[in-house]
PDB file of N, CA and C in Angstrom:
ATOM      1  N   UNK A   1      -4.285   6.438  32.135  1.00  0.00           N
ATOM      2  CA  UNK A   1      -5.031   7.138  31.019  1.00  0.00           C
ATOM      3  C   UNK A   1      -4.398   6.438  29.826  1.00  0.00           C
ATOM      4  N   UNK A   2      -5.416   6.131  28.911  1.00  0.00           N
ATOM      5  CA  UNK A   2      -5.058   5.518  27.552  1.00  0.00           C
ATOM      6  C   UNK A   2      -4.833   6.620  26.590  1.00  0.00           C
ATOM      7  N   UNK A   3      -4.182   6.334  25.651  1.00  0.00           N
ATOM      8  CA  UNK A   3      -3.662   7.158  24.548  1.00  0.00           C
ATOM      9  C   UNK A   3      -4.982   7.209  23.539  1.00  0.00           C
ATOM     10  N   UNK A   4      -5.443   8.450  23.023  1.00  0.00           N
ATOM     11  CA  UNK A   4      -6.521   8.540  22.146  1.00  0.00           C
ATOM     12  C   UNK A   4      -6.032   9.009  20.890  1.00  0.00           C
ATOM     13  N   UNK A   5      -6.759   8.585  19.752  1.00  0.00           N
ATOM     14  CA  UNK A   5      -6.486   9.118  18.355  1.00  0.00           C
ATOM     15  C   UNK A   5      -6.292  10.763  18.387  1.00  0.00           C
ATOM     16  N   UNK A   6      -7.068  11.354  19.254  1.00  0.00           N
ATOM     17  CA  UNK A   6      -7.022  12.778  19.333  1.00  0.00           C
ATOM     18  C   UNK A   6      -5.666  13.195  19.873  1.00  0.00           C
ATOM     19  N   UNK A   7      -5.032  12.386  20.726  1.00  0.00           N
ATOM     20  CA  UNK A   7      -3.717  12.823  21.462  1.00  0.00           C
ATOM     21  C   UNK A   7      -2.681  12.768  20.198  1.00  0.00           C
ATOM     22  N   UNK A   8      -2.774  11.639  19.419  1.00  0.00           N
ATOM     23  CA  UNK A   8      -1.853  11.302  18.304  1.00  0.00           C
ATOM     24  C   UNK A   8      -1.905  12.437  17.380  1.00  0.00           C
ATOM     25  N   UNK A   9      -3.258  12.719  17.042  1.00  0.00           N
ATOM     26  CA  UNK A   9      -3.544  14.028  16.141  1.00  0.00           C
ATOM     27  C   UNK A   9      -2.735  15.087  16.693  1.00  0.00           C
ATOM     28  N   UNK A  10      -3.005  15.402  17.860  1.00  0.00           N
ATOM     29  CA  UNK A  10      -2.156  16.685  18.453  1.00  0.00           C
ATOM     30  C   UNK A  10      -0.979  16.548  18.081  1.00  0.00           C
ATOM     31  N   UNK A  11      -0.162  15.442  18.600  1.00  0.00           N
ATOM     32  CA  UNK A  11       1.229  15.238  18.270  1.00  0.00           C
ATOM     33  C   UNK A  11       1.617  15.505  16.783  1.00  0.00           C
ATOM     34  N   UNK A  12       0.918  14.871  15.919  1.00  0.00           N
ATOM     35  CA  UNK A  12       1.220  14.971  14.576  1.00  0.00           C
ATOM     36  C   UNK A  12       1.155  16.513  14.189  1.00  0.00           C
ATOM     37  N   UNK A  13       0.009  17.254  14.717  1.00  0.00           N
ATOM     38  CA  UNK A  13      -0.003  18.668  14.292  1.00  0.00           C
ATOM     39  C   UNK A  13       1.076  19.411  14.698  1.00  0.00           C
ATOM     40  N   UNK A  14       1.491  19.003  15.984  1.00  0.00           N
ATOM     41  CA  UNK A  14       2.615  19.843  16.549  1.00  0.00           C
ATOM     42  C   UNK A  14       3.945  19.728  15.760  1.00  0.00           C
ATOM     43  N   UNK A  15       4.186  18.465  15.334  1.00  0.00           N
ATOM     44  CA  UNK A  15       5.338  18.055  14.401  1.00  0.00           C
ATOM     45  C   UNK A  15       5.033  18.894  13.051  1.00  0.00           C
ATOM     46  N   UNK A  16       3.838  18.822  12.581  1.00  0.00           N
ATOM     47  CA  UNK A  16       3.638  19.455  11.120  1.00  0.00           C
ATOM     48  C   UNK A  16       3.713  20.980  11.334  1.00  0.00           C
ATOM     49  N   UNK A  17       3.493  21.425  12.348  1.00  0.00           N
ATOM     50  CA  UNK A  17       3.432  23.129  12.603  1.00  0.00           C
ATOM     51  C   UNK A  17       4.783  23.580  11.787  1.00  0.00           C
ATOM     52  N   UNK A  18       6.069  23.132  12.156  1.00  0.00           N
ATOM     53  CA  UNK A  18       7.221  23.538  11.823  1.00  0.00           C
ATOM     54  C   UNK A  18       7.425  23.557  10.126  1.00  0.00           C
ATOM     55  N   UNK A  19       6.377  22.652   9.394  1.00  0.00           N
ATOM     56  CA  UNK A  19       6.224  22.623   8.061  1.00  0.00           C
ATOM     57  C   UNK A  19       5.275  23.685   7.390  1.00  0.00           C
ATOM     58  N   UNK A  20       4.609  24.261   8.565  1.00  0.00           N
ATOM     59  CA  UNK A  20       3.476  25.020   8.013  1.00  0.00           C
ATOM     60  C   UNK A  20       2.212  24.446   7.648  1.00  0.00           C
ATOM     61  N   UNK A  21       2.199  23.215   8.091  1.00  0.00           N
ATOM     62  CA  UNK A  21       0.870  22.270   7.857  1.00  0.00           C
ATOM     63  C   UNK A  21       0.167  21.893   9.003  1.00  0.00           C
ATOM     64  N   UNK A  22      -1.105  21.438   8.811  1.00  0.00           N
ATOM     65  CA  UNK A  22      -1.775  20.970   9.975  1.00  0.00           C
ATOM     66  C   UNK A  22      -2.987  19.967   9.314  1.00  0.00           C
ATOM     67  N   UNK A  23      -3.502  19.028  10.332  1.00  0.00           N
ATOM     68  CA  UNK A  23      -4.407  18.016   9.590  1.00  0.00           C
ATOM     69  C   UNK A  23      -5.500  18.223  10.786  1.00  0.00           C
ATOM     70  N   UNK A  24      -6.640  18.384  10.228  1.00  0.00           N
ATOM     71  CA  UNK A  24      -7.906  18.195  10.873  1.00  0.00           C
ATOM     72  C   UNK A  24      -8.707  16.693  10.894  1.00  0.00           C
ATOM     73  N   UNK A  25      -9.538  16.475  12.052  1.00  0.00           N
ATOM     74  CA  UNK A  25     -10.064  15.134  12.049  1.00  0.00           C
ATOM     75  C   UNK A  25     -10.602  14.780  10.762  1.00  0.00           C
ATOM     76  N   UNK A  26     -11.072  15.813   9.918  1.00  0.00           N
ATOM     77  CA  UNK A  26     -11.735  15.450   8.722  1.00  0.00           C
ATOM     78  C   UNK A  26     -10.806  15.211   7.568  1.00  0.00           C
ATOM     79  N   UNK A  27      -9.576  15.268   7.698  1.00  0.00           N
ATOM     80  CA  UNK A  27      -8.428  14.998   6.885  1.00  0.00           C
ATOM     81  C   UNK A  27      -7.637  13.977   6.900  1.00  0.00           C
ATOM     82  N   UNK A  28      -8.160  12.804   7.825  1.00  0.00           N
ATOM     83  CA  UNK A  28      -7.328  11.905   8.227  1.00  0.00           C
ATOM     84  C   UNK A  28      -7.139  10.847   6.936  1.00  0.00           C
ATOM     85  N   UNK A  29      -7.794  10.921   5.938  1.00  0.00           N
ATOM     86  CA  UNK A  29      -7.474  10.342   4.817  1.00  0.00           C
ATOM     87  C   UNK A  29      -6.321  10.429   3.838  1.00  0.00           C
ATOM     88  N   UNK A  30      -5.640  11.728   4.281  1.00  0.00           N
ATOM     89  CA  UNK A  30      -4.791  12.162   3.397  1.00  0.00           C
ATOM     90  C   UNK A  30      -3.368  11.348   3.556  1.00  0.00           C
ATOM     91  N   UNK A  31      -2.755  11.222   2.504  1.00  0.00           N
ATOM     92  CA  UNK A  31      -1.540  10.382   1.981  1.00  0.00           C
ATOM     93  C   UNK A  31      -0.341  11.265   2.714  1.00  0.00           C
ATOM     94  N   UNK A  32       0.348  10.352   3.478  1.00  0.00           N
ATOM     95  CA  UNK A  32       1.473  11.269   4.034  1.00  0.00           C
ATOM     96  C   UNK A  32       2.551  11.571   3.082  1.00  0.00           C
ATOM     97  N   UNK A  33       2.750  10.704   1.923  1.00  0.00           N
ATOM     98  CA  UNK A  33       3.609  11.115   0.977  1.00  0.00           C
ATOM     99  C   UNK A  33       2.646  11.125  -0.140  1.00  0.00           C
ATOM    100  N   UNK A  34       2.592  12.564  -0.634  1.00  0.00           N
ATOM    101  CA  UNK A  34       1.685  12.782  -1.706  1.00  0.00           C
ATOM    102  C   UNK A  34       0.793  14.037  -1.327  1.00  0.00           C
ATOM    103  N   UNK A  35       0.000  13.923  -0.388  1.00  0.00           N
ATOM    104  CA  UNK A  35      -0.772  15.167   0.165  1.00  0.00           C
ATOM    105  C   UNK A  35       0.166  15.900   1.237  1.00  0.00           C
ATOM    106  N   UNK A  36       0.649  15.487   2.026  1.00  0.00           N
ATOM    107  CA  UNK A  36       1.500  16.271   3.142  1.00  0.00           C
ATOM    108  C   UNK A  36       2.978  16.489   2.612  1.00  0.00           C
ATOM    109  N   UNK A  37       3.642  15.335   2.165  1.00  0.00           N
ATOM    110  CA  UNK A  37       5.070  15.607   1.755  1.00  0.00           C
ATOM    111  C   UNK A  37       5.239  15.105   0.329  1.00  0.00           C
ATOM    112  N   UNK A  38       5.933  15.936  -0.595  1.00  0.00           N
ATOM    113  CA  UNK A  38       6.027  15.541  -1.794  1.00  0.00           C
ATOM    114  C   UNK A  38       7.053  13.993  -2.085  1.00  0.00           C
ATOM    115  N   UNK A  39       8.293  14.372  -1.105  1.00  0.00           N
ATOM    116  CA  UNK A  39       9.288  13.315  -1.033  1.00  0.00           C
ATOM    117  C   UNK A  39       8.937  12.200  -0.115  1.00  0.00           C
ATOM    118  N   UNK A  40       9.245  11.032  -0.676  1.00  0.00           N
ATOM    119  CA  UNK A  40       9.473   9.956   0.153  1.00  0.00           C
ATOM    120  C   UNK A  40      10.105  10.071   1.479  1.00  0.00           C
ATOM    121  N   UNK A  41      11.393  10.451   1.206  1.00  0.00           N
ATOM    122  CA  UNK A  41      12.265  10.660   2.413  1.00  0.00           C
ATOM    123  C   UNK A  41      11.753  11.542   3.484  1.00  0.00           C
ATOM    124  N   UNK A  42      11.052  12.732   2.965  1.00  0.00           N
ATOM    125  CA  UNK A  42      10.472  13.520   3.905  1.00  0.00           C
ATOM    126  C   UNK A  42       9.173  12.940   4.863  1.00  0.00           C
ATOM    127  N   UNK A  43       8.418  12.201   4.096  1.00  0.00           N
ATOM    128  CA  UNK A  43       7.417  11.451   4.712  1.00  0.00           C
ATOM    129  C   UNK A  43       7.923  10.415   5.681  1.00  0.00           C
ATOM    130  N   UNK A  44       8.975   9.486   5.062  1.00  0.00           N
ATOM    131  CA  UNK A  44       9.399   8.627   5.983  1.00  0.00           C
ATOM    132  C   UNK A  44      10.013   9.201   7.311  1.00  0.00           C
ATOM    133  N   UNK A  45      10.824  10.406   7.158  1.00  0.00           N
ATOM    134  CA  UNK A  45      11.371  10.824   8.222  1.00  0.00           C
ATOM    135  C   UNK A  45      10.154  11.318   9.442  1.00  0.00           C
ATOM    136  N   UNK A  46       9.007  12.076   8.704  1.00  0.00           N
ATOM    137  CA  UNK A  46       8.055  12.595   9.504  1.00  0.00           C
ATOM    138  C   UNK A  46       7.257  11.421  10.382  1.00  0.00           C
ATOM    139  N   UNK A  47       7.194  10.287   9.754  1.00  0.00           N
ATOM    140  CA  UNK A  47       6.605   9.122  10.295  1.00  0.00           C
ATOM    141  C   UNK A  47       7.503   8.705  11.605  1.00  0.00           C
ATOM    142  N   UNK A  48       8.726   8.625  11.310  1.00  0.00           N
ATOM    143  CA  UNK A  48       9.776   8.235  12.373  1.00  0.00           C
ATOM    144  C   UNK A  48       9.744   9.057  13.416  1.00  0.00           C
ATOM    145  N   UNK A  49       9.708  10.393  13.173  1.00  0.00           N
ATOM    146  CA  UNK A  49       9.500  11.557  14.214  1.00  0.00           C
ATOM    147  C   UNK A  49       8.423  11.149  15.237  1.00  0.00           C
ATOM    148  N   UNK A  50       7.221  11.008  14.378  1.00  0.00           N
ATOM    149  CA  UNK A  50       6.113  10.715  15.148  1.00  0.00           C
ATOM    150  C   UNK A  50       6.008   9.424  16.137  1.00  0.00           C
ATOM    151  N   UNK A  51       6.641   8.444  15.576  1.00  0.00           N
ATOM    152  CA  UNK A  51       6.894   6.940  16.235  1.00  0.00           C
ATOM    153  C   UNK A  51       7.795   7.373  17.375  1.00  0.00           C
ATOM    154  N   UNK A  52       8.875   8.083  17.236  1.00  0.00           N
ATOM    155  CA  UNK A  52       9.785   8.288  18.271  1.00  0.00           C
ATOM    156  C   UNK A  52       9.153   9.059  19.413  1.00  0.00           C
ATOM    157  N   UNK A  53       8.352   9.940  19.140  1.00  0.00           N
ATOM    158  CA  UNK A  53       7.439  10.773  20.163  1.00  0.00           C
ATOM    159  C   UNK A  53       6.941   9.753  20.998  1.00  0.00           C
ATOM    160  N   UNK A  54       6.369   8.735  20.753  1.00  0.00           N
ATOM    161  CA  UNK A  54       5.723   7.643  21.654  1.00  0.00           C
ATOM    162  C   UNK A  54       6.742   6.360  21.827  1.00  0.00           C
ATOM    163  N   UNK A  55       8.011   6.686  21.502  1.00  0.00           N
ATOM    164  CA  UNK A  55       9.054   5.652  21.838  1.00  0.00           C
ATOM    165  C   UNK A  55       8.644   4.229  21.164  1.00  0.00           C
ATOM    166  N   UNK A  56       8.265   4.250  20.158  1.00  0.00           N
ATOM    167  CA  UNK A  56       7.846   3.075  19.240  1.00  0.00           C
ATOM    168  C   UNK A  56       9.030   2.698  18.421  1.00  0.00           C
ATOM    169  N   UNK A  57       9.627   1.685  18.475  1.00  0.00           N
ATOM    170  CA  UNK A  57      10.785   1.160  17.545  1.00  0.00           C
ATOM    171  C   UNK A  57      10.191  -0.056  16.865  1.00  0.00           C
ATOM    172  N   UNK A  58      10.267  -0.075  15.627  1.00  0.00           N
ATOM    173  CA  UNK A  58       9.846  -0.981  14.626  1.00  0.00           C
ATOM    174  C   UNK A  58      10.774  -1.923  14.433  1.00  0.00           C
ATOM    175  N   UNK A  59      10.735  -3.113  13.832  1.00  0.00           N
ATOM    176  CA  UNK A  59      11.406  -4.016  13.205  1.00  0.00           C
ATOM    177  C   UNK A  59      11.177  -4.132  11.615  1.00  0.00           C
ATOM    178  N   UNK A  60      12.088  -3.367  11.127  1.00  0.00           N
ATOM    179  CA  UNK A  60      11.935  -3.206   9.581  1.00  0.00           C
ATOM    180  C   UNK A  60      10.845  -2.405   9.187  1.00  0.00           C
ATOM    181  N   UNK A  61      10.435  -2.434   8.000  1.00  0.00           N
ATOM    182  CA  UNK A  61       9.309  -1.628   7.184  1.00  0.00           C
ATOM    183  C   UNK A  61       7.885  -1.795   7.717  1.00  0.00           C
ATOM    184  N   UNK A  62       7.318  -0.566   7.996  1.00  0.00           N
ATOM    185  CA  UNK A  62       5.872  -0.758   8.366  1.00  0.00           C
ATOM    186  C   UNK A  62       5.082  -0.026   7.051  1.00  0.00           C
ATOM    187  N   UNK A  63       4.079  -0.437   6.850  1.00  0.00           N
ATOM    188  CA  UNK A  63       3.207   0.072   5.704  1.00  0.00           C
ATOM    189  C   UNK A  63       2.101   0.896   6.172  1.00  0.00           C
ATOM    190  N   UNK A  64       2.512   2.162   6.389  1.00  0.00           N
ATOM    191  CA  UNK A  64       1.587   3.181   6.732  1.00  0.00           C
ATOM    192  C   UNK A  64       1.733   4.253   5.660  1.00  0.00           C
ATOM    193  N   UNK A  65       0.377   4.643   5.124  1.00  0.00           N
ATOM    194  CA  UNK A  65       0.249   5.564   3.982  1.00  0.00           C
ATOM    195  C   UNK A  65      -0.712   6.901   4.315  1.00  0.00           C
ATOM    196  N   UNK A  66      -1.438   6.521   5.224  1.00  0.00           N
ATOM    197  CA  UNK A  66      -2.349   7.762   5.372  1.00  0.00           C
ATOM    198  C   UNK A  66      -2.149   8.235   7.097  1.00  0.00           C
ATOM    199  N   UNK A  67      -2.681   9.405   7.155  1.00  0.00           N
ATOM    200  CA  UNK A  67      -2.698   9.789   8.654  1.00  0.00           C
ATOM    201  C   UNK A  67      -3.375   8.856   9.615  1.00  0.00           C
ATOM    202  N   UNK A  68      -4.435   8.524   9.163  1.00  0.00           N
ATOM    203  CA  UNK A  68      -5.460   7.600   9.893  1.00  0.00           C
ATOM    204  C   UNK A  68      -4.537   6.148  10.326  1.00  0.00           C
ATOM    205  N   UNK A  69      -3.908   5.834   9.384  1.00  0.00           N
ATOM    206  CA  UNK A  69      -3.263   4.451   9.515  1.00  0.00           C
ATOM    207  C   UNK A  69      -2.258   4.632  10.628  1.00  0.00           C
ATOM    208  N   UNK A  70      -1.446   5.924  10.447  1.00  0.00           N
ATOM    209  CA  UNK A  70      -0.415   6.202  11.470  1.00  0.00           C
ATOM    210  C   UNK A  70      -1.035   6.320  12.710  1.00  0.00           C
ATOM    211  N   UNK A  71      -2.205   7.087  13.083  1.00  0.00           N
ATOM    212  CA  UNK A  71      -2.589   7.152  14.194  1.00  0.00           C
ATOM    213  C   UNK A  71      -3.264   5.673  14.682  1.00  0.00           C
ATOM    214  N   UNK A  72      -3.712   4.881  13.941  1.00  0.00           N
ATOM    215  CA  UNK A  72      -4.260   3.761  14.227  1.00  0.00           C
ATOM    216  C   UNK A  72      -2.963   2.801  14.762  1.00  0.00           C
ATOM    217  N   UNK A  73      -1.967   2.758  14.057  1.00  0.00           N
ATOM    218  CA  UNK A  73      -0.671   1.889  14.353  1.00  0.00           C
ATOM    219  C   UNK A  73      -0.263   2.362  15.731  1.00  0.00           C
ATOM    220  N   UNK A  74      -0.173   3.638  15.933  1.00  0.00           N
ATOM    221  CA  UNK A  74       0.261   4.092  17.317  1.00  0.00           C
ATOM    222  C   UNK A  74      -0.698   3.609  18.240  1.00  0.00           C
ATOM    223  N   UNK A  75      -1.924   4.066  18.081  1.00  0.00           N
ATOM    224  CA  UNK A  75      -2.814   3.637  19.232  1.00  0.00           C
ATOM    225  C   UNK A  75      -2.775   1.966  19.689  1.00  0.00           C
ATOM    226  N   UNK A  76      -2.835   1.252  18.618  1.00  0.00           N
ATOM    227  CA  UNK A  76      -2.590  -0.148  18.839  1.00  0.00           C
ATOM    228  C   UNK A  76      -1.293  -0.549  19.502  1.00  0.00           C
ATOM    229  N   UNK A  77      -0.317   0.063  19.142  1.00  0.00           N
ATOM    230  CA  UNK A  77       0.844  -0.329  19.568  1.00  0.00           C
ATOM    231  C   UNK A  77       1.048   0.118  21.093  1.00  0.00           C
ATOM    232  N   UNK A  78       0.399   1.128  21.506  1.00  0.00           N
ATOM    233  CA  UNK A  78       0.442   1.529  22.897  1.00  0.00           C
ATOM    234  C   UNK A  78      -0.537   0.821  23.755  1.00  0.00           C
ATOM    235  N   UNK A  79      -1.457   0.257  23.181  1.00  0.00           N
ATOM    236  CA  UNK A  79      -2.480  -0.687  23.945  1.00  0.00           C
ATOM    237  C   UNK A  79      -1.746  -2.044  24.256  1.00  0.00           C
ATOM    238  N   UNK A  80      -0.864  -2.508  23.429  1.00  0.00           N
ATOM    239  CA  UNK A  80      -0.393  -3.943  23.493  1.00  0.00           C
ATOM    240  C   UNK A  80       0.657  -3.806  24.869  1.00  0.00           C
TER     241      UNK A  80
END
């Protein structure tokens, strides 16, 4: 069974729940830092937590700004 964008969104919302936040499929354009988190460190930590859920390790910095970019990155990594 391949990973879908909906699967990743569900994981994102599970992790956001502790922050009292959630994202719908109509809000994928939201900026992780700015719309969801005010602090860069918090946004970076959140992205790291999501990637860890999928056992994705990156070499260096990855350029992910929006929820959609995060979902796309994870789905593409899991296809490879």
